Protein backbone atom coordinates (compact mmCIF):
# COMPACT_ATOMS: atom_id res chain seq x y z
CA MET A 1 31.19 33.43 -6.62
CA TYR A 2 30.30 30.82 -9.19
CA VAL A 3 26.63 29.66 -8.39
CA VAL A 4 25.19 26.45 -10.40
CA GLU A 5 21.49 27.84 -11.00
CA SER A 6 20.39 25.62 -13.84
CA LYS A 7 19.26 21.70 -13.69
CA GLY A 8 21.28 21.16 -16.53
CA GLY A 9 24.17 22.28 -14.79
CA ALA A 10 23.54 20.32 -11.38
CA ILE A 11 23.22 17.22 -13.64
CA VAL A 12 26.65 17.79 -15.12
CA CYS A 13 27.88 18.52 -11.56
CA MET A 14 26.48 15.38 -10.20
CA LEU A 15 27.14 13.23 -13.37
CA LEU A 16 31.06 14.06 -12.91
CA SER A 17 30.50 13.72 -8.87
CA LEU A 18 29.42 10.08 -9.70
CA PHE A 19 32.53 9.11 -11.58
CA PHE A 20 35.09 10.67 -9.17
CA LEU A 21 33.21 9.21 -6.22
CA GLY A 22 32.80 5.43 -7.84
CA THR A 23 36.72 5.72 -8.24
CA TRP A 24 38.64 6.28 -5.29
CA PRO A 25 37.29 3.29 -3.16
CA ALA A 26 38.71 0.97 -5.64
CA ILE A 27 42.07 2.71 -5.50
CA LEU A 28 42.13 2.49 -1.56
CA THR A 29 41.20 -1.52 -1.74
CA HIS A 30 43.72 -2.02 -4.25
CA LEU A 31 46.45 -0.62 -1.83
CA GLU A 32 45.37 -2.47 1.23
CA ARG A 33 45.25 -5.78 -0.77
CA ARG A 34 49.01 -4.98 -1.58
CA GLY A 35 49.99 -4.80 1.87
CA ARG A 36 50.02 -1.19 2.63
CA LEU A 37 48.65 0.16 6.07
CA PRO A 38 45.57 1.73 5.71
CA GLN A 39 46.50 4.22 8.75
CA HIS A 40 49.43 5.45 5.88
CA THR A 41 46.90 5.31 3.13
CA TYR A 42 43.98 7.37 4.81
CA LEU A 43 46.51 9.90 5.84
CA ASP A 44 47.89 10.73 2.55
CA TYR A 45 44.11 10.35 0.87
CA THR A 46 42.70 12.87 3.73
CA ILE A 47 45.61 15.61 3.09
CA MET A 48 44.42 15.39 -0.44
CA ASN A 49 40.99 15.42 0.11
CA LEU A 50 41.27 18.86 2.26
CA LEU A 51 43.38 20.23 -0.65
CA ALA A 52 40.54 19.52 -3.15
CA ALA A 53 38.26 21.51 -0.74
CA VAL A 54 40.81 24.48 -0.88
CA LEU A 55 41.39 24.61 -4.47
CA ILE A 56 37.36 24.48 -5.15
CA ALA A 57 37.19 27.57 -2.30
CA PHE A 58 39.70 29.79 -4.17
CA THR A 59 38.58 29.00 -7.61
CA PHE A 60 34.83 28.76 -7.65
CA GLY A 61 34.37 30.42 -4.22
CA GLU A 62 36.14 33.70 -5.40
CA ILE A 63 34.83 33.77 -8.89
CA GLY A 64 33.32 36.99 -9.61
CA LYS A 65 32.28 40.13 -7.37
CA SER A 66 31.38 39.39 -3.64
CA THR A 67 27.85 41.08 -2.42
CA PRO A 68 26.45 41.34 1.09
CA GLU A 69 23.83 38.27 -0.46
CA GLU A 70 26.25 36.55 -2.01
CA PRO A 71 29.72 36.92 -0.45
CA ASN A 72 32.79 35.19 -1.90
CA PHE A 73 34.92 32.52 0.32
CA LEU A 74 37.26 34.84 1.77
CA ALA A 75 34.50 37.29 2.81
CA GLN A 76 32.48 35.01 4.59
CA LEU A 77 35.04 33.72 6.71
CA ALA A 78 35.06 36.68 8.73
CA GLN A 79 31.31 36.65 9.40
CA ASP A 80 29.35 35.67 12.36
CA ASN A 81 27.90 32.53 10.88
CA TRP A 82 29.50 29.90 13.53
CA GLN A 83 26.09 28.21 13.84
CA SER A 84 26.22 27.09 10.47
CA VAL A 85 29.95 26.06 10.92
CA LEU A 86 29.22 23.64 13.44
CA PHE A 87 26.85 21.88 11.25
CA ALA A 88 29.11 22.08 8.22
CA MET A 89 32.06 20.55 10.59
CA ALA A 90 29.55 17.89 12.04
CA GLY A 91 28.73 16.51 8.54
CA GLY A 92 32.50 16.34 8.01
CA VAL A 93 33.21 14.61 11.18
CA VAL A 94 30.61 11.95 10.30
CA LEU A 95 31.79 11.50 6.73
CA SER A 96 35.46 10.96 7.67
CA ILE A 97 34.45 8.46 10.49
CA GLY A 98 32.19 6.36 8.09
CA ASN A 99 35.27 6.47 5.15
CA LEU A 100 37.72 5.43 8.12
CA ALA A 101 35.21 2.57 9.23
CA THR A 102 34.40 1.38 5.30
CA GLN A 103 38.19 1.19 4.60
CA TYR A 104 38.29 -1.70 7.44
CA ALA A 105 35.05 -3.19 6.10
CA TRP A 106 36.25 -3.90 2.52
CA ALA A 107 38.76 -6.46 3.94
CA PHE A 108 36.04 -8.47 5.56
CA VAL A 109 32.99 -8.27 2.99
CA GLY A 110 34.70 -7.08 0.05
CA LEU A 111 34.24 -3.99 -2.25
CA SER A 112 31.07 -4.43 -3.86
CA VAL A 113 29.31 -5.38 -0.26
CA ALA A 114 31.01 -2.87 1.85
CA GLU A 115 29.77 0.14 -0.55
CA VAL A 116 26.26 -0.92 -1.67
CA ILE A 117 25.06 -1.33 1.91
CA PRO A 118 26.60 1.97 3.45
CA THR A 119 25.50 4.02 0.22
CA SER A 120 22.13 2.28 -0.02
CA ILE A 121 21.60 3.03 3.65
CA THR A 122 22.85 6.81 3.02
CA VAL A 123 20.02 7.33 0.04
CA VAL A 124 17.38 5.60 2.37
CA ILE A 125 17.88 7.64 5.19
CA GLY A 126 19.79 10.65 3.94
CA THR A 127 17.22 11.46 1.02
CA THR A 128 14.77 11.27 3.46
CA LEU A 129 15.98 13.72 5.66
CA ASN A 130 17.08 16.25 2.88
CA TYR A 131 13.68 15.88 1.30
CA PHE A 132 12.00 17.51 4.23
CA LEU A 133 14.78 19.87 4.78
CA ASP A 134 14.60 20.99 0.91
CA ASP A 135 10.64 21.73 1.65
CA ARG A 136 10.05 19.04 -0.52
CA ILE A 137 10.90 20.70 -3.97
CA ASN A 138 11.59 17.39 -5.56
CA LYS A 139 8.60 15.17 -6.62
CA ALA A 140 8.10 12.26 -4.01
CA GLU A 141 6.63 9.94 -6.71
CA ILE A 142 10.03 10.03 -8.59
CA LEU A 143 12.21 10.21 -5.49
CA PHE A 144 10.61 7.60 -3.13
CA PRO A 145 10.35 4.78 -5.57
CA GLY A 146 14.16 5.24 -6.04
CA VAL A 147 14.68 5.38 -2.37
CA ALA A 148 12.79 1.84 -2.16
CA CYS A 149 15.09 0.50 -4.51
CA PHE A 150 18.03 1.13 -2.27
CA LEU A 151 16.28 -0.12 0.69
CA ILE A 152 15.91 -3.44 -1.48
CA ALA A 153 19.49 -3.41 -2.13
CA VAL A 154 20.34 -3.08 1.68
CA CYS A 155 18.70 -6.54 2.30
CA LEU A 156 20.26 -8.14 -1.02
CA GLY A 157 23.54 -6.85 -0.04
CA SER A 158 23.54 -8.56 3.46
CA ALA A 159 22.19 -11.60 1.42
CA VAL A 160 25.29 -11.41 -0.76
CA HIS A 161 27.50 -11.11 2.33
CA THR A 162 26.15 -14.30 3.68
CA SER A 163 26.18 -16.31 0.28
CA ASN A 164 29.81 -14.78 -0.20
CA SER A 165 31.03 -15.84 3.12
CA ALA A 166 29.25 -19.38 3.02
CA ASP A 167 31.38 -19.83 -0.42
CA ASN A 168 34.78 -18.77 0.80
CA LYS A 169 34.38 -21.20 3.82
CA ALA A 170 33.55 -23.79 1.31
CA LYS A 171 36.20 -23.23 -0.93
CA LEU A 172 38.89 -23.29 1.97
CA ASN A 173 37.73 -26.23 3.71
CA SER A 174 38.33 -28.01 0.14
CA LEU A 175 42.00 -27.77 0.79
CA SER A 176 43.20 -30.65 3.01
CA ASN A 177 45.92 -29.01 4.40
CA TYR A 178 46.19 -25.47 5.13
CA GLY A 179 47.26 -23.77 8.20
CA LYS A 180 48.84 -20.54 9.85
CA THR A 181 52.02 -19.44 10.35
CA GLY A 182 53.57 -16.54 12.23
CA GLU A 183 51.39 -13.83 12.78
CA GLY A 184 48.21 -14.97 11.36
CA VAL A 185 49.40 -15.57 7.91
CA ILE A 186 48.34 -18.38 6.10
CA ASN A 187 50.79 -20.88 4.43
CA ILE A 188 50.28 -21.11 0.93
CA SER A 189 52.45 -23.99 0.17
CA VAL A 190 49.32 -26.74 0.15
CA PRO A 191 49.15 -30.36 -1.40
CA LYS A 192 47.87 -30.07 -5.27
CA GLU A 193 46.18 -33.58 -5.09
CA GLY A 194 42.49 -33.36 -4.73
CA ASN A 195 42.75 -29.50 -5.36
CA PRO A 196 42.66 -28.83 -9.02
CA ASN A 197 42.16 -25.22 -8.71
CA ILE A 198 45.58 -24.45 -7.50
CA ALA A 199 48.27 -24.10 -10.08
CA GLY A 200 51.95 -24.02 -9.16
CA THR A 201 55.33 -25.84 -9.18
CA LYS A 202 56.11 -29.05 -7.32
CA ASP A 203 58.47 -28.88 -4.62
CA ALA A 204 60.23 -32.63 -5.30
CA GLU A 205 61.46 -33.05 -1.65
CA ASN A 206 58.39 -32.79 0.19
CA GLY A 207 55.75 -33.23 -2.40
CA TYR A 208 54.05 -29.63 -1.78
CA TYR A 209 53.12 -27.25 -4.79
CA THR A 210 53.70 -23.67 -4.29
CA LEU A 211 51.03 -21.33 -5.38
CA GLU A 212 52.02 -19.05 -8.46
CA LYS A 213 49.15 -17.41 -9.37
CA ALA A 214 45.94 -19.10 -8.63
CA GLU A 215 42.68 -18.60 -10.33
CA VAL A 216 40.70 -15.63 -9.16
CA GLY A 217 37.74 -16.44 -6.90
CA SER A 218 39.37 -20.14 -6.02
CA ALA A 219 40.86 -21.11 -2.61
CA GLY A 220 44.15 -20.66 -3.89
CA TYR A 221 43.34 -16.71 -4.91
CA LEU A 222 42.05 -16.10 -1.11
CA ILE A 223 44.92 -17.77 0.60
CA GLU A 224 47.35 -15.81 -1.84
CA LEU A 225 45.27 -12.22 -0.99
CA GLU A 226 45.30 -13.15 2.62
CA ASN A 227 49.06 -13.24 2.84
CA THR A 228 49.78 -10.03 0.66
CA ARG A 229 46.76 -8.09 1.83
CA ALA A 230 47.60 -5.65 4.95
CA ILE A 231 44.17 -6.78 7.15
CA LYS A 232 44.36 -10.14 7.92
CA VAL A 233 40.66 -11.40 8.23
CA SER A 234 41.47 -15.01 8.23
CA GLY A 235 39.89 -16.62 11.66
CA LYS A 236 37.89 -13.18 12.28
CA SER A 237 34.02 -13.50 12.07
CA THR A 238 32.85 -11.87 8.93
CA MET A 239 29.68 -10.26 10.97
CA ILE A 240 32.44 -7.93 12.29
CA GLY A 241 32.89 -6.60 8.42
CA LEU A 242 28.83 -6.40 8.27
CA ALA A 243 28.65 -4.35 11.63
CA ILE A 244 31.42 -1.95 10.54
CA THR A 245 29.26 -1.91 7.25
CA PHE A 246 25.98 -0.79 8.81
CA PHE A 247 27.92 1.74 11.12
CA ALA A 248 29.44 3.48 8.23
CA GLY A 249 26.24 3.56 6.41
CA CYS A 250 24.67 5.42 9.49
CA CYS A 251 27.63 7.84 9.50
CA PHE A 252 27.15 8.50 5.83
CA SER A 253 23.66 9.08 6.11
CA LEU A 254 24.08 12.45 8.38
CA PHE A 255 26.67 14.02 6.29
CA SER A 256 24.53 15.60 3.57
CA PRO A 257 21.55 16.67 5.66
CA ALA A 258 24.32 18.39 8.13
CA PHE A 259 25.62 20.14 5.19
CA ASN A 260 22.07 21.18 3.73
CA LEU A 261 21.53 22.66 7.38
CA ALA A 262 25.07 24.43 7.33
CA THR A 263 23.79 26.04 3.77
CA ASN A 264 20.26 26.95 3.71
CA ASP A 265 19.97 27.31 7.91
CA GLN A 266 16.39 25.85 7.85
CA TRP A 267 16.25 26.02 11.71
CA HIS A 268 16.88 29.78 11.76
CA THR A 269 20.05 29.56 13.83
CA LEU A 270 21.97 32.87 11.87
CA LYS A 271 21.32 36.10 13.16
CA PRO A 272 19.13 38.46 11.24
CA GLY A 273 20.64 39.88 8.52
CA VAL A 274 23.86 37.04 8.28
CA PRO A 275 24.09 35.38 4.67
CA HIS A 276 23.78 31.45 4.80
CA LEU A 277 26.83 29.92 4.06
CA THR A 278 27.87 29.51 0.64
CA VAL A 279 28.63 25.86 -0.83
CA TYR A 280 32.24 26.68 -0.93
CA THR A 281 32.61 28.17 2.53
CA ALA A 282 30.43 25.22 3.83
CA PHE A 283 32.52 22.86 1.96
CA PHE A 284 35.88 24.20 3.25
CA TYR A 285 34.71 23.91 6.89
CA PHE A 286 33.40 20.56 6.00
CA SER A 287 36.63 19.31 4.80
CA ALA A 288 38.65 20.75 7.50
CA SER A 289 36.82 18.83 10.22
CA CYS A 290 36.89 15.66 8.37
CA PHE A 291 40.62 16.26 7.89
CA VAL A 292 41.24 16.76 11.64
CA ILE A 293 39.21 13.81 12.91
CA ALA A 294 41.12 11.68 10.12
CA ILE A 295 44.43 12.85 11.34
CA ILE A 296 43.41 12.43 15.10
CA LEU A 297 42.06 8.73 14.40
CA ASN A 298 44.55 7.51 12.13
CA ILE A 299 47.67 9.02 14.14
CA THR A 300 46.07 6.99 17.37
CA PHE A 301 46.05 4.01 15.13
CA LEU A 302 49.53 4.14 14.19
CA TYR A 303 50.50 3.47 17.70
CA HIS A 304 47.54 1.33 18.72
CA PRO A 305 46.31 -0.50 15.77
CA VAL A 306 42.74 -2.22 15.65
CA LEU A 307 42.47 -5.61 13.90
CA ASN A 308 45.63 -6.98 14.72
CA LEU A 309 47.68 -4.95 12.07
CA PRO A 310 51.19 -3.91 12.83
CA LYS A 311 52.28 -0.80 14.75
CA SER A 312 53.44 2.01 12.91
CA SER A 313 54.94 5.49 13.33
CA PRO A 314 54.80 9.12 11.93
CA GLY A 315 58.42 8.52 10.88
CA ALA A 316 57.31 4.77 9.32
CA TYR A 317 54.40 6.90 7.61
CA LEU A 318 56.88 9.44 6.11
CA THR A 319 59.03 7.51 4.50
CA ASP A 320 56.32 4.86 3.25
CA TRP A 321 55.97 6.02 -0.50
CA ASN A 322 54.80 2.32 -1.57
CA GLY A 323 51.66 3.59 -3.52
CA ARG A 324 51.24 7.27 -1.99
CA GLY A 325 50.61 8.68 -5.47
CA TRP A 326 47.41 6.25 -5.39
CA ALA A 327 46.40 7.29 -2.41
CA PHE A 328 46.87 11.34 -2.98
CA LEU A 329 44.81 10.32 -6.55
CA ALA A 330 41.93 8.86 -4.39
CA GLY A 331 41.80 12.00 -1.96
CA ILE A 332 41.72 14.28 -5.08
CA LEU A 333 38.73 12.46 -6.68
CA CYS A 334 36.87 12.02 -3.41
CA GLY A 335 37.17 15.87 -2.37
CA PHE A 336 36.22 16.96 -5.95
CA GLY A 337 33.31 14.18 -5.95
CA ASN A 338 31.99 15.64 -2.63
CA GLY A 339 32.21 18.97 -4.02
CA LEU A 340 30.60 18.62 -6.69
CA GLN A 341 27.83 16.83 -5.24
CA PHE A 342 27.10 19.79 -3.10
CA MET A 343 27.46 22.28 -5.85
CA GLY A 344 24.83 20.45 -7.86
CA GLY A 345 22.60 19.84 -4.61
CA GLN A 346 22.13 23.82 -4.30
CA ALA A 347 20.71 23.95 -7.41
CA ALA A 348 18.55 20.51 -7.63
CA GLY A 349 18.35 20.30 -4.03
CA TYR A 350 20.27 17.92 -1.66
CA ALA A 351 17.85 15.18 -1.74
CA ALA A 352 18.25 14.81 -5.62
CA ALA A 353 21.96 15.22 -5.40
CA ASP A 354 22.12 12.40 -2.90
CA ALA A 355 21.75 10.25 -5.92
CA VAL A 356 25.21 10.13 -6.69
CA GLN A 357 25.75 7.81 -3.78
CA ASN A 358 25.25 5.21 -6.75
CA PHE A 359 28.57 5.89 -7.28
CA HIS A 360 29.19 2.06 -6.44
CA PHE A 361 27.51 1.00 -9.88
CA VAL A 362 30.77 2.96 -11.61
CA TRP A 363 33.03 -0.11 -10.61
CA LEU A 364 30.69 -2.93 -9.98
C-alpha cells in the first residue's frame, strides 16, 4: 500500500485534486445547457466516479507488501471493521446527495454562485469539524483566518445571486414582447425595435427578428439559453436555486469529517487489534455508497422527474450518447480528485486537505 507521508507529497496530491475537482462541474453544466437530461448525465458520471475509486484501490492500495498494521486493500476487505465502513459510506451518501442537488442549482443561480456558496460552507463547517477530529494538528492561527474568508464568501455569493437575479429580470423586462410557448419554452422570435442587444435576421412577413447568436449576458442570450437547456427555469423563483445551494453545502460539509472518522477512528468504535481503514479501503466504500444512492435517486428521477423535466427511462438513457463521453470524463476527474484529497489528508490532516474546496477558483 502506498502511503503519502511527507507534507510535500500531500501538497502535490492536493494541487492535483484542486485541478480535477475544479474541472468537472463546468463539464456537467455545459451538458445541461446543451439540453442533456441531468438524470442521464449523473448516471454516467457516477459510474465513472466508482471506477476511479476501484482503480485507485487496486493500484495505490495494492502497492507493496501487506502488513497487519497496514493491510493492503484486498486484505482489509475481510476484516471486522464494519463500524468504520459505515462512517465511510455515510460520507459517500451525503456527497452524492450534495452533488446531485448542486447539479440542479446550477440552472437557477449559475455555476459560480452554485459552487462558491456550497464549497465555502464546506470549508467553514467541515474544516472546523476536522480540526478537532485531527486533534488540532494544524495551526489555528493560519487555518481559521482562511475559514473566515470562506464565511465572507458565503455572504458575498448570496449577494451576487440577488444582484444577478435582479439584473436578469431587468434585461428580460426590457424586451417589449416575449412570451412562452409549449412546455414553458420562451419564444425567441422578438421585435428588434428597442432591443439593440439582439442580433438576427428580419422576417419580412411579420416584421420579427429571429435570434441568431446573441451577445453573452444579454436578454437575447438568456432566452436562447432557456430554449436549449434541459432544466427550464423561466418563471420559477431563483430562491429555489439558492435554497438548493445551501442544502448542498450542508451535505458537503459532512463528507470529509465522516471519512476522517472512518480512517482514524477517533471515537474508538473498532475492536482492539483491528487496524484502521486505509484511505483506499475507506474510499472504495465511500464511492460505492455514493454510487448506490446516485443510482437509486436518478432512476427514480427518470420516472418521476423534478422541476418539470421530461420523463425518461433506462432504455432512453442507454441510447443517449449525446455528451456521454464528457459525462464519463467528469466522473473520472471527480473520482480522482476526491481520492487525491483524502490521500493528502492522511499526511497533512483533513482540515488542511479541505482547502481543495477552493476548486471553484480553477474555472471562475
